[in-house]
Amino acid sequence: MTVDKNALEVFVIVAQTRNFRLAAERLGVTRPAISQTLRRLEDRLNISLMQRTTRSINLTEAGQRLYAEVAPAIEQLNGAVSDIADQLAAPRGQLRLAVSSIAERIIDGRMLASFITAYPHVELDITITDEAYDIVEQGFDAGVQLGEVIAQDMIAVPVSAMQRQIAVASPDYLAQYGTPQHPKDLLDHRCIGWRKSPGVSPYRWEFAWQGREFDVDVNPQLTTNDMGVMIRTVCAGGGISFGMEETYAPYIARGELVTVLDEFLPTFPGFYLYFSGRKHMPPKLRAFIEHVRM
């Protein structure tokens, strides 16, 4: 029995994304076209491969068996074709990145401007997010996160120096309310906290002393998921805030903020650009990696 190879590739992508819209976007076709292709494949095989509802797509037992057999072969075939094509191809096309909101160096305007100037045929599409995305499932080429939160099955490339989180306040606030000498003193101060999304508890501030790590639940009076709100409030004397040293460095340099509790805040491994080792690395991604590592 002969089967349309394009239909098998459509089946594999839908099986991976479990979403007709994402599969259609990845293939550059419409959702009805995806549905029709799968229906023809099932008619050709005379078997149901997927169970579809308005909310979910699940593989049948036959679909699971077909995916296990076909997906590696299609990936190998596509990889071989891409390897040959990429030897002659210049970086081009859309590069989708999911980047942490605190990865200052990666989202710095100067770095991004220099990249799109150097590679005029690459279109950067950057989503700023602190959610735990499955970048493969969501159709991203790569992500940028702190190394400690990246899944072990990803390839990770360091794109920053060692990092440090710091506690900061304005000189006026400290003059009025005093300077904390130990992290536990923060419980007596007005604090400005961060959370990644609504309904999620505020981030617990992390410290270390003599090799022992601990955190403090500061119960912030103001909590937000927007770093700009945090910066403007702490600069205005609203309290003590906590975040990446790179984020606050310009304000410290201008004297708008000062650090507190420095001895309790060690450095740790920084940001990594990560991507699936199962996917062939396109020239556009290779070019971005080389650029941010410069």
Protein backbone atom coordinates (compact mmCIF):
# COMPACT_ATOMS: atom_id res chain seq x y z
CA MET A 1 0.00 0.00 0.00
CA THR A 2 1.37 3.44 -0.94
CA VAL A 3 0.56 6.44 1.22
CA ASP A 4 1.03 10.15 0.55
CA LYS A 5 4.25 11.11 2.36
CA ASN A 6 2.99 14.67 2.89
CA ALA A 7 -0.04 13.29 4.70
CA LEU A 8 2.24 11.34 7.03
CA GLU A 9 4.19 14.50 7.84
CA VAL A 10 0.95 16.35 8.58
CA PHE A 11 -0.08 13.50 10.87
CA VAL A 12 3.24 13.63 12.73
CA ILE A 13 3.06 17.39 13.31
CA VAL A 14 -0.52 17.22 14.54
CA ALA A 15 0.47 14.34 16.83
CA GLN A 16 3.30 16.46 18.25
CA THR A 17 1.34 19.68 18.73
CA ARG A 18 -2.08 18.13 19.51
CA ASN A 19 -3.44 21.32 17.99
CA PHE A 20 -4.73 21.91 14.44
CA ARG A 21 -4.01 25.65 14.59
CA LEU A 22 -0.38 25.21 15.65
CA ALA A 23 0.13 22.47 13.05
CA ALA A 24 -1.38 24.67 10.35
CA GLU A 25 0.89 27.58 11.31
CA ARG A 26 3.96 25.37 11.27
CA LEU A 27 3.10 23.97 7.83
CA GLY A 28 1.83 27.25 6.39
CA VAL A 29 -1.61 25.90 5.48
CA THR A 30 -5.18 26.31 6.77
CA ARG A 31 -6.82 24.27 9.52
CA PRO A 32 -9.41 22.83 7.09
CA ALA A 33 -6.54 21.64 4.89
CA ILE A 34 -5.01 19.84 7.89
CA SER A 35 -8.34 18.20 8.73
CA GLN A 36 -8.95 17.08 5.13
CA THR A 37 -5.46 15.62 4.81
CA LEU A 38 -5.87 13.58 7.98
CA ARG A 39 -9.30 12.36 6.89
CA ARG A 40 -7.88 11.15 3.55
CA LEU A 41 -5.04 9.38 5.36
CA GLU A 42 -7.47 7.61 7.68
CA ASP A 43 -9.66 6.66 4.72
CA ARG A 44 -6.62 5.30 2.88
CA LEU A 45 -5.58 3.21 5.90
CA ASN A 46 -9.19 2.39 6.77
CA ILE A 47 -8.54 3.10 10.43
CA SER A 48 -9.00 5.94 12.92
CA LEU A 49 -5.75 7.60 13.97
CA MET A 50 -7.02 10.39 16.20
CA GLN A 51 -9.90 11.07 18.54
CA ARG A 52 -11.01 14.67 18.10
CA THR A 53 -13.13 16.80 20.43
CA THR A 54 -13.68 20.54 20.54
CA ARG A 55 -10.99 20.79 23.23
CA SER A 56 -8.46 18.06 22.59
CA ILE A 57 -6.80 15.72 20.12
CA ASN A 58 -5.64 12.30 21.27
CA LEU A 59 -4.04 9.47 19.33
CA THR A 60 -5.82 6.16 19.10
CA GLU A 61 -3.83 3.00 19.74
CA ALA A 62 -3.26 2.68 15.98
CA GLY A 63 -2.25 6.35 15.82
CA GLN A 64 0.30 5.84 18.58
CA ARG A 65 1.82 2.88 16.75
CA LEU A 66 1.96 4.76 13.46
CA TYR A 67 3.54 7.81 15.10
CA ALA A 68 6.21 5.68 16.81
CA GLU A 69 7.19 4.16 13.46
CA VAL A 70 6.86 7.17 11.17
CA ALA A 71 8.06 10.17 13.23
CA PRO A 72 11.76 9.13 13.47
CA ALA A 73 11.88 8.35 9.75
CA ILE A 74 10.37 11.70 8.76
CA GLU A 75 12.67 13.57 11.12
CA GLN A 76 15.70 11.79 9.68
CA LEU A 77 14.58 12.46 6.11
CA ASN A 78 13.87 16.13 6.75
CA GLY A 79 17.16 16.50 8.59
CA ALA A 80 19.13 15.02 5.70
CA VAL A 81 17.46 17.36 3.20
CA SER A 82 17.97 20.37 5.48
CA ASP A 83 21.63 19.54 6.06
CA ILE A 84 22.33 19.65 2.35
CA ALA A 85 20.26 22.76 1.73
CA ASP A 86 21.79 24.64 4.65
CA GLN A 87 25.30 24.21 3.33
CA LEU A 88 24.42 26.74 0.65
CA ALA A 89 21.71 28.77 2.39
CA ALA A 90 22.18 32.09 4.15
CA PRO A 91 20.32 32.76 7.42
CA ARG A 92 16.77 33.77 6.58
CA GLY A 93 13.16 33.37 7.64
CA GLN A 94 11.34 33.90 10.93
CA LEU A 95 13.16 33.04 14.16
CA ARG A 96 10.71 32.60 17.07
CA LEU A 97 12.18 32.99 20.55
CA ALA A 98 10.58 32.68 24.01
CA VAL A 99 12.70 34.88 26.29
CA SER A 100 12.61 35.42 30.04
CA SER A 101 11.62 38.93 31.07
CA ILE A 102 14.79 39.22 33.17
CA ALA A 103 17.27 38.18 30.45
CA GLU A 104 18.51 41.74 30.13
CA ARG A 105 21.38 41.14 27.73
CA ILE A 106 19.28 39.17 25.26
CA ILE A 107 16.46 41.72 25.08
CA ASP A 108 18.79 44.69 25.11
CA GLY A 109 17.88 46.93 22.17
CA ARG A 110 21.47 47.36 21.01
CA MET A 111 22.09 43.63 20.74
CA LEU A 112 18.84 43.04 18.86
CA ALA A 113 19.45 45.99 16.56
CA SER A 114 22.93 44.76 15.70
CA PHE A 115 21.58 41.29 14.90
CA ILE A 116 18.81 42.40 12.55
CA THR A 117 21.28 44.76 10.88
CA ALA A 118 23.79 41.96 10.36
CA TYR A 119 21.11 39.52 9.13
CA PRO A 120 18.53 41.49 7.12
CA HIS A 121 16.76 38.35 5.88
CA VAL A 122 16.00 37.05 9.40
CA GLU A 123 12.75 38.18 11.04
CA LEU A 124 12.90 38.02 14.83
CA ASP A 125 9.66 37.19 16.64
CA ILE A 126 10.28 37.47 20.40
CA THR A 127 7.76 36.51 23.07
CA ILE A 128 8.65 37.77 26.55
CA THR A 129 7.38 35.20 29.02
CA ASP A 130 8.22 33.66 32.37
CA GLU A 131 5.85 30.74 31.88
CA ALA A 132 7.29 27.22 31.71
CA TYR A 133 6.80 26.81 27.95
CA ASP A 134 7.36 23.65 25.98
CA ILE A 135 9.06 25.51 23.15
CA VAL A 136 8.75 22.59 20.72
CA GLU A 137 5.02 22.19 21.32
CA GLN A 138 4.44 25.94 21.07
CA GLY A 139 6.38 26.26 17.82
CA PHE A 140 9.37 28.27 19.08
CA ASP A 141 12.82 27.78 17.57
CA ALA A 142 14.54 28.39 20.90
CA GLY A 143 14.12 29.87 24.36
CA VAL A 144 16.23 31.86 26.82
CA GLN A 145 15.98 31.06 30.52
CA LEU A 146 18.10 30.60 33.62
CA GLY A 147 19.94 27.31 33.34
CA GLU A 148 18.37 25.85 36.47
CA VAL A 149 14.87 25.72 34.95
CA ILE A 150 15.75 24.24 31.53
CA ALA A 151 14.72 20.63 30.87
CA GLN A 152 17.62 18.19 30.68
CA ASP A 153 16.67 16.92 27.22
CA MET A 154 17.36 20.35 25.69
CA ILE A 155 20.64 21.57 24.21
CA ALA A 156 21.66 24.67 26.21
CA VAL A 157 24.25 27.27 25.21
CA PRO A 158 25.43 29.87 27.78
CA VAL A 159 24.68 33.43 26.67
CA SER A 160 25.52 35.41 29.81
CA ALA A 161 28.05 35.69 32.60
CA MET A 162 27.34 34.56 36.15
CA GLN A 163 24.27 36.28 37.56
CA ARG A 164 23.21 37.61 40.95
CA GLN A 165 19.93 38.69 42.46
CA ILE A 166 20.05 41.77 44.66
CA ALA A 167 17.84 43.70 47.06
CA VAL A 168 17.59 47.43 46.35
CA ALA A 169 15.94 50.56 47.72
CA SER A 170 16.15 54.29 47.20
CA PRO A 171 18.41 56.34 49.50
CA ASP A 172 15.33 58.30 50.67
CA TYR A 173 13.50 55.14 51.72
CA LEU A 174 16.50 53.85 53.70
CA ALA A 175 17.02 57.24 55.34
CA GLN A 176 13.42 57.20 56.54
CA TYR A 177 12.95 53.53 57.46
CA GLY A 178 16.46 52.23 58.08
CA THR A 179 18.64 49.61 56.38
CA PRO A 180 17.96 45.89 56.99
CA GLN A 181 20.96 44.03 58.39
CA HIS A 182 19.63 40.49 57.89
CA PRO A 183 17.07 39.07 55.43
CA LYS A 184 14.64 38.42 58.30
CA ASP A 185 14.55 42.20 58.85
CA LEU A 186 12.68 42.48 55.54
CA LEU A 187 9.55 41.32 57.35
CA ASP A 188 9.48 44.75 59.02
CA HIS A 189 9.88 46.66 55.74
CA ARG A 190 7.58 47.60 52.91
CA CYS A 191 8.51 45.29 50.02
CA ILE A 192 7.81 45.29 46.29
CA GLY A 193 7.41 41.77 44.92
CA TRP A 194 7.11 39.91 41.64
CA ARG A 195 4.88 37.08 40.44
CA LYS A 196 4.92 35.51 37.00
CA SER A 197 1.15 35.43 36.46
CA PRO A 198 -2.19 36.06 38.22
CA GLY A 199 -3.13 33.51 40.84
CA VAL A 200 0.51 32.53 41.44
CA SER A 201 2.14 33.23 44.79
CA PRO A 202 4.73 36.03 44.87
CA TYR A 203 8.31 34.96 44.32
CA ARG A 204 10.07 34.10 47.60
CA TRP A 205 13.31 36.06 47.97
CA GLU A 206 16.32 33.73 48.03
CA PHE A 207 19.45 34.20 50.11
CA ALA A 208 22.49 32.23 51.27
CA TRP A 209 24.80 32.39 54.26
CA GLN A 210 27.92 30.28 54.87
CA GLY A 211 26.88 27.81 52.18
CA ARG A 212 23.31 27.43 53.42
CA GLU A 213 20.50 28.58 51.16
CA PHE A 214 17.22 29.92 52.53
CA ASP A 215 14.35 32.10 51.40
CA VAL A 216 12.15 34.74 52.98
CA ASP A 217 8.42 35.11 52.36
CA VAL A 218 8.36 38.90 52.52
CA ASN A 219 4.58 39.33 52.00
CA PRO A 220 5.01 42.28 49.62
CA GLN A 221 2.64 45.22 49.89
CA LEU A 222 2.84 45.69 46.11
CA THR A 223 3.08 42.70 43.77
CA THR A 224 3.26 42.77 39.97
CA ASN A 225 4.43 40.76 36.98
CA ASP A 226 5.83 43.89 35.31
CA MET A 227 9.45 44.74 36.03
CA GLY A 228 8.90 48.33 34.91
CA VAL A 229 6.31 48.85 37.66
CA MET A 230 8.74 47.44 40.22
CA ILE A 231 11.58 49.70 39.09
CA ARG A 232 9.50 52.88 39.03
CA THR A 233 8.03 52.17 42.46
CA VAL A 234 11.30 51.36 44.19
CA CYS A 235 12.99 54.40 42.60
CA ALA A 236 10.15 56.56 43.95
CA GLY A 237 10.85 55.37 47.50
CA GLY A 238 8.06 52.80 47.63
CA GLY A 239 10.07 50.18 49.49
CA ILE A 240 12.65 47.44 48.97
CA SER A 241 12.63 45.34 45.79
CA PHE A 242 14.45 42.24 44.63
CA GLY A 243 15.64 41.17 41.18
CA MET A 244 18.49 40.58 38.78
CA GLU A 245 21.56 42.77 39.26
CA GLU A 246 21.69 43.55 35.53
CA THR A 247 18.16 44.95 35.71
CA TYR A 248 18.95 47.44 38.46
CA ALA A 249 22.55 48.26 37.45
CA PRO A 250 21.76 51.50 35.51
CA TYR A 251 19.75 52.91 38.45
CA ILE A 252 22.48 52.00 40.93
CA ALA A 253 25.09 53.67 38.70
CA ARG A 254 23.03 56.90 38.69
CA GLY A 255 22.58 56.81 42.46
CA GLU A 256 18.81 56.34 42.27
CA LEU A 257 19.06 52.99 44.07
CA VAL A 258 21.47 51.35 46.50
CA THR A 259 21.89 47.69 47.38
CA VAL A 260 21.26 46.11 50.76
CA LEU A 261 22.10 42.68 52.22
CA ASP A 262 24.90 42.13 49.67
CA GLU A 263 26.68 39.56 51.86
CA PHE A 264 23.63 37.27 51.67
CA LEU A 265 23.40 37.28 47.86
CA PRO A 266 25.90 35.04 45.99
CA THR A 267 26.31 34.58 42.26
CA PHE A 268 24.85 31.65 40.29
CA PRO A 269 24.94 30.31 36.68
CA GLY A 270 23.23 32.67 34.26
CA PHE A 271 21.10 32.52 31.15
CA TYR A 272 21.17 29.88 28.44
CA LEU A 273 19.71 29.79 24.97
CA TYR A 274 18.15 26.35 24.60
CA PHE A 275 16.54 24.33 21.84
CA SER A 276 15.53 20.79 21.07
CA GLY A 277 18.30 18.37 20.21
CA ARG A 278 15.78 16.49 18.08
CA LYS A 279 15.45 19.37 15.64
CA HIS A 280 17.95 20.25 12.98
CA MET A 281 19.54 23.62 13.74
CA PRO A 282 18.68 26.07 10.94
CA PRO A 283 21.19 28.74 9.85
CA LYS A 284 19.07 31.52 11.37
CA LEU A 285 19.33 29.94 14.84
CA ARG A 286 23.02 29.22 14.44
CA ALA A 287 23.58 32.84 13.45
CA PHE A 288 21.71 34.11 16.52
CA ILE A 289 23.70 31.85 18.86
CA GLU A 290 26.98 33.07 17.39
CA HIS A 291 25.82 36.67 17.67
CA VAL A 292 24.76 36.58 21.32
CA ARG A 293 27.95 34.76 22.29
CA MET A 294 30.17 37.46 20.75
